[in-house]
């Protein structure tokens, strides 16, 4: 099963928002973590003078911590994502592939990472689109009660 293909949406009581429970295998999890580290490095090079850079860095670190927490739980780990986290994963994975997929030499590990992240593009985009529908459905259910 591919990462982010098995997913379910629910309203998290403490969050009062829609969350998605989805499955991510170890290798895809590690590739996503590498893409988050790449983005953190970019932010560090650009400087942290802007509040928006600090906020993005904190969001990246939080998301990486979430992935790390389930990375070693088994071959297929369930991750609970919020909509902004799913969107961030989608953006960063796509940016990583765009930036790093060049004509020059790349190590086999880097080629594998790029291929994995490219393969995650569709499921991550689907995840982001389904979040909007799940939030609309949850809102309608709340209004009908």
C-alpha atoms as a PDB file:
ATOM      1  CA  UNK A   1       0.000   0.000   0.000  1.00  0.00           C
ATOM      2  CA  UNK A   2       1.290   3.451  -0.867  1.00  0.00           C
ATOM      3  CA  UNK A   3       1.650   6.170   1.743  1.00  0.00           C
ATOM      4  CA  UNK A   4      -1.342   8.454   2.213  1.00  0.00           C
ATOM      5  CA  UNK A   5      -3.638   6.137   0.233  1.00  0.00           C
ATOM      6  CA  UNK A   6      -5.380   4.642   3.284  1.00  0.00           C
ATOM      7  CA  UNK A   7      -6.895   7.621   5.066  1.00  0.00           C
ATOM      8  CA  UNK A   8      -9.898   8.481   7.181  1.00  0.00           C
ATOM      9  CA  UNK A   9     -11.201  11.791   8.428  1.00  0.00           C
ATOM     10  CA  UNK A  10     -12.790  12.603  11.748  1.00  0.00           C
ATOM     11  CA  UNK A  11     -13.495  15.517  14.008  1.00  0.00           C
ATOM     12  CA  UNK A  12     -10.970  15.642  16.803  1.00  0.00           C
ATOM     13  CA  UNK A  13     -12.904  16.630  19.953  1.00  0.00           C
ATOM     14  CA  UNK A  14     -10.039  18.446  21.637  1.00  0.00           C
ATOM     15  CA  UNK A  15      -9.118  20.201  18.390  1.00  0.00           C
ATOM     16  CA  UNK A  16     -12.664  21.005  17.266  1.00  0.00           C
ATOM     17  CA  UNK A  17     -11.356  20.531  13.749  1.00  0.00           C
ATOM     18  CA  UNK A  18     -11.100  17.796  11.158  1.00  0.00           C
ATOM     19  CA  UNK A  19      -8.037  15.564  11.258  1.00  0.00           C
ATOM     20  CA  UNK A  20      -6.899  12.772   8.965  1.00  0.00           C
ATOM     21  CA  UNK A  21      -5.544   9.438  10.106  1.00  0.00           C
ATOM     22  CA  UNK A  22      -3.339   8.048   7.361  1.00  0.00           C
ATOM     23  CA  UNK A  23      -0.709   5.370   6.891  1.00  0.00           C
ATOM     24  CA  UNK A  24       2.919   6.194   6.048  1.00  0.00           C
ATOM     25  CA  UNK A  25       5.614   3.565   5.676  1.00  0.00           C
ATOM     26  CA  UNK A  26       9.132   4.006   7.071  1.00  0.00           C
ATOM     27  CA  UNK A  27      10.843   4.817   3.784  1.00  0.00           C
ATOM     28  CA  UNK A  28       8.289   7.426   2.726  1.00  0.00           C
ATOM     29  CA  UNK A  29       8.356   8.872   6.243  1.00  0.00           C
ATOM     30  CA  UNK A  30      12.162   9.184   6.061  1.00  0.00           C
ATOM     31  CA  UNK A  31      11.986  10.825   2.611  1.00  0.00           C
ATOM     32  CA  UNK A  32       9.476  13.370   3.894  1.00  0.00           C
ATOM     33  CA  UNK A  33      11.675  14.046   6.899  1.00  0.00           C
ATOM     34  CA  UNK A  34      14.637  14.716   4.607  1.00  0.00           C
ATOM     35  CA  UNK A  35      12.570  17.175   2.571  1.00  0.00           C
ATOM     36  CA  UNK A  36      11.578  18.983   5.782  1.00  0.00           C
ATOM     37  CA  UNK A  37      15.249  19.149   6.831  1.00  0.00           C
ATOM     38  CA  UNK A  38      16.116  20.562   3.404  1.00  0.00           C
ATOM     39  CA  UNK A  39      13.515  23.324   3.837  1.00  0.00           C
ATOM     40  CA  UNK A  40      14.722  24.089   7.382  1.00  0.00           C
ATOM     41  CA  UNK A  41      18.230  24.490   6.008  1.00  0.00           C
ATOM     42  CA  UNK A  42      16.956  26.906   3.355  1.00  0.00           C
ATOM     43  CA  UNK A  43      15.207  29.005   5.986  1.00  0.00           C
ATOM     44  CA  UNK A  44      18.362  29.013   8.109  1.00  0.00           C
ATOM     45  CA  UNK A  45      20.433  30.286   5.178  1.00  0.00           C
ATOM     46  CA  UNK A  46      17.930  33.048   4.438  1.00  0.00           C
ATOM     47  CA  UNK A  47      17.906  34.161   8.065  1.00  0.00           C
ATOM     48  CA  UNK A  48      15.311  34.302  10.779  1.00  0.00           C
ATOM     49  CA  UNK A  49      14.750  38.056  10.953  1.00  0.00           C
ATOM     50  CA  UNK A  50      11.146  37.787   9.778  1.00  0.00           C
ATOM     51  CA  UNK A  51       8.492  36.437  12.121  1.00  0.00           C
ATOM     52  CA  UNK A  52       7.033  34.410   9.245  1.00  0.00           C
ATOM     53  CA  UNK A  53      10.337  32.524   8.851  1.00  0.00           C
ATOM     54  CA  UNK A  54      10.350  31.654  12.545  1.00  0.00           C
ATOM     55  CA  UNK A  55       6.731  30.495  12.360  1.00  0.00           C
ATOM     56  CA  UNK A  56       7.458  28.327   9.320  1.00  0.00           C
ATOM     57  CA  UNK A  57      10.517  26.846  11.013  1.00  0.00           C
ATOM     58  CA  UNK A  58       8.437  25.954  14.075  1.00  0.00           C
ATOM     59  CA  UNK A  59       5.766  24.337  11.880  1.00  0.00           C
ATOM     60  CA  UNK A  60       8.421  22.301  10.053  1.00  0.00           C
ATOM     61  CA  UNK A  61       9.999  21.152  13.304  1.00  0.00           C
ATOM     62  CA  UNK A  62       6.625  20.184  14.754  1.00  0.00           C
ATOM     63  CA  UNK A  63       5.725  18.204  11.643  1.00  0.00           C
ATOM     64  CA  UNK A  64       9.101  16.469  11.614  1.00  0.00           C
ATOM     65  CA  UNK A  65       8.655  15.562  15.285  1.00  0.00           C
ATOM     66  CA  UNK A  66       5.250  14.077  14.449  1.00  0.00           C
ATOM     67  CA  UNK A  67       6.760  11.934  11.681  1.00  0.00           C
ATOM     68  CA  UNK A  68       9.721  10.907  13.853  1.00  0.00           C
ATOM     69  CA  UNK A  69       7.395   9.800  16.658  1.00  0.00           C
ATOM     70  CA  UNK A  70       5.824   7.117  14.460  1.00  0.00           C
ATOM     71  CA  UNK A  71       8.779   6.261  12.206  1.00  0.00           C
ATOM     72  CA  UNK A  72       9.924   3.272  14.221  1.00  0.00           C
ATOM     73  CA  UNK A  73       6.540   1.945  15.343  1.00  0.00           C
ATOM     74  CA  UNK A  74       6.316  -0.557  12.527  1.00  0.00           C
ATOM     75  CA  UNK A  75       6.375  -0.981   8.770  1.00  0.00           C
ATOM     76  CA  UNK A  76       3.209   1.086   8.296  1.00  0.00           C
ATOM     77  CA  UNK A  77       2.609   3.778  10.879  1.00  0.00           C
ATOM     78  CA  UNK A  78      -0.581   5.746  11.301  1.00  0.00           C
ATOM     79  CA  UNK A  79      -0.096   9.505  11.434  1.00  0.00           C
ATOM     80  CA  UNK A  80      -2.744  12.028  12.458  1.00  0.00           C
ATOM     81  CA  UNK A  81      -2.496  15.176  10.336  1.00  0.00           C
ATOM     82  CA  UNK A  82      -4.233  18.520  10.422  1.00  0.00           C
ATOM     83  CA  UNK A  83      -5.066  20.306   7.186  1.00  0.00           C
ATOM     84  CA  UNK A  84      -2.193  22.792   7.440  1.00  0.00           C
ATOM     85  CA  UNK A  85       0.279  19.961   8.081  1.00  0.00           C
ATOM     86  CA  UNK A  86      -0.924  18.035   5.028  1.00  0.00           C
ATOM     87  CA  UNK A  87      -0.629  21.168   2.916  1.00  0.00           C
ATOM     88  CA  UNK A  88       2.880  21.838   4.206  1.00  0.00           C
ATOM     89  CA  UNK A  89       3.989  18.268   3.422  1.00  0.00           C
ATOM     90  CA  UNK A  90       2.590  18.581  -0.084  1.00  0.00           C
ATOM     91  CA  UNK A  91       4.327  21.912  -0.710  1.00  0.00           C
ATOM     92  CA  UNK A  92       7.712  20.938   0.709  1.00  0.00           C
ATOM     93  CA  UNK A  93       7.839  17.531  -1.013  1.00  0.00           C
ATOM     94  CA  UNK A  94       7.026  19.168  -4.354  1.00  0.00           C
ATOM     95  CA  UNK A  95       9.562  21.944  -3.850  1.00  0.00           C
ATOM     96  CA  UNK A  96      12.238  19.415  -2.913  1.00  0.00           C
ATOM     97  CA  UNK A  97      11.671  17.421  -6.106  1.00  0.00           C
ATOM     98  CA  UNK A  98      11.658  20.557  -8.238  1.00  0.00           C
ATOM     99  CA  UNK A  99      14.873  21.870  -6.708  1.00  0.00           C
ATOM    100  CA  UNK A 100      16.833  18.635  -6.425  1.00  0.00           C
ATOM    101  CA  UNK A 101      15.841  16.700  -9.562  1.00  0.00           C
ATOM    102  CA  UNK A 102      18.574  17.935 -11.872  1.00  0.00           C
ATOM    103  CA  UNK A 103      20.632  16.552 -14.702  1.00  0.00           C
ATOM    104  CA  UNK A 104      23.811  16.216 -12.627  1.00  0.00           C
ATOM    105  CA  UNK A 105      24.993  13.274 -10.604  1.00  0.00           C
ATOM    106  CA  UNK A 106      22.909  12.235  -7.642  1.00  0.00           C
ATOM    107  CA  UNK A 107      23.607   9.452  -5.246  1.00  0.00           C
ATOM    108  CA  UNK A 108      21.344   6.400  -5.400  1.00  0.00           C
ATOM    109  CA  UNK A 109      19.843   7.442  -2.051  1.00  0.00           C
ATOM    110  CA  UNK A 110      18.986  10.882  -3.429  1.00  0.00           C
ATOM    111  CA  UNK A 111      17.467   9.418  -6.608  1.00  0.00           C
ATOM    112  CA  UNK A 112      15.365   7.070  -4.457  1.00  0.00           C
ATOM    113  CA  UNK A 113      14.242   9.958  -2.234  1.00  0.00           C
ATOM    114  CA  UNK A 114      13.251  12.069  -5.251  1.00  0.00           C
ATOM    115  CA  UNK A 115      11.331   9.147  -6.761  1.00  0.00           C
ATOM    116  CA  UNK A 116       9.527   8.504  -3.467  1.00  0.00           C
ATOM    117  CA  UNK A 117       8.578  12.146  -3.056  1.00  0.00           C
ATOM    118  CA  UNK A 118       7.418  12.352  -6.668  1.00  0.00           C
ATOM    119  CA  UNK A 119       5.254   9.277  -6.041  1.00  0.00           C
ATOM    120  CA  UNK A 120       3.731  10.931  -2.973  1.00  0.00           C
ATOM    121  CA  UNK A 121       2.661  14.036  -4.915  1.00  0.00           C
ATOM    122  CA  UNK A 122      -0.688  12.646  -6.079  1.00  0.00           C
ATOM    123  CA  UNK A 123      -1.762  11.091  -2.780  1.00  0.00           C
ATOM    124  CA  UNK A 124      -0.733  14.248  -0.875  1.00  0.00           C
ATOM    125  CA  UNK A 125      -2.715  16.453  -3.269  1.00  0.00           C
ATOM    126  CA  UNK A 126      -5.720  14.140  -2.913  1.00  0.00           C
ATOM    127  CA  UNK A 127      -5.349  14.335   0.859  1.00  0.00           C
ATOM    128  CA  UNK A 128      -5.373  18.139   0.763  1.00  0.00           C
ATOM    129  CA  UNK A 129      -8.443  18.234  -1.498  1.00  0.00           C
ATOM    130  CA  UNK A 130     -10.332  15.717   0.615  1.00  0.00           C
ATOM    131  CA  UNK A 131      -9.649  17.804   3.724  1.00  0.00           C
ATOM    132  CA  UNK A 132     -11.751  20.613   2.267  1.00  0.00           C
ATOM    133  CA  UNK A 133     -14.644  18.222   1.577  1.00  0.00           C
ATOM    134  CA  UNK A 134     -14.338  16.644   5.041  1.00  0.00           C
ATOM    135  CA  UNK A 135     -14.417  20.069   6.691  1.00  0.00           C
ATOM    136  CA  UNK A 136     -17.497  21.046   4.664  1.00  0.00           C
ATOM    137  CA  UNK A 137     -19.236  17.819   5.689  1.00  0.00           C
ATOM    138  CA  UNK A 138     -18.343  18.336   9.353  1.00  0.00           C
ATOM    139  CA  UNK A 139     -19.626  21.917   9.207  1.00  0.00           C
ATOM    140  CA  UNK A 140     -22.911  20.767   7.639  1.00  0.00           C
ATOM    141  CA  UNK A 141     -23.348  18.104  10.335  1.00  0.00           C
ATOM    142  CA  UNK A 142     -22.791  20.670  13.077  1.00  0.00           C
ATOM    143  CA  UNK A 143     -25.365  23.007  11.533  1.00  0.00           C
ATOM    144  CA  UNK A 144     -27.970  20.272  11.202  1.00  0.00           C
ATOM    145  CA  UNK A 145     -27.759  19.291  14.886  1.00  0.00           C
END
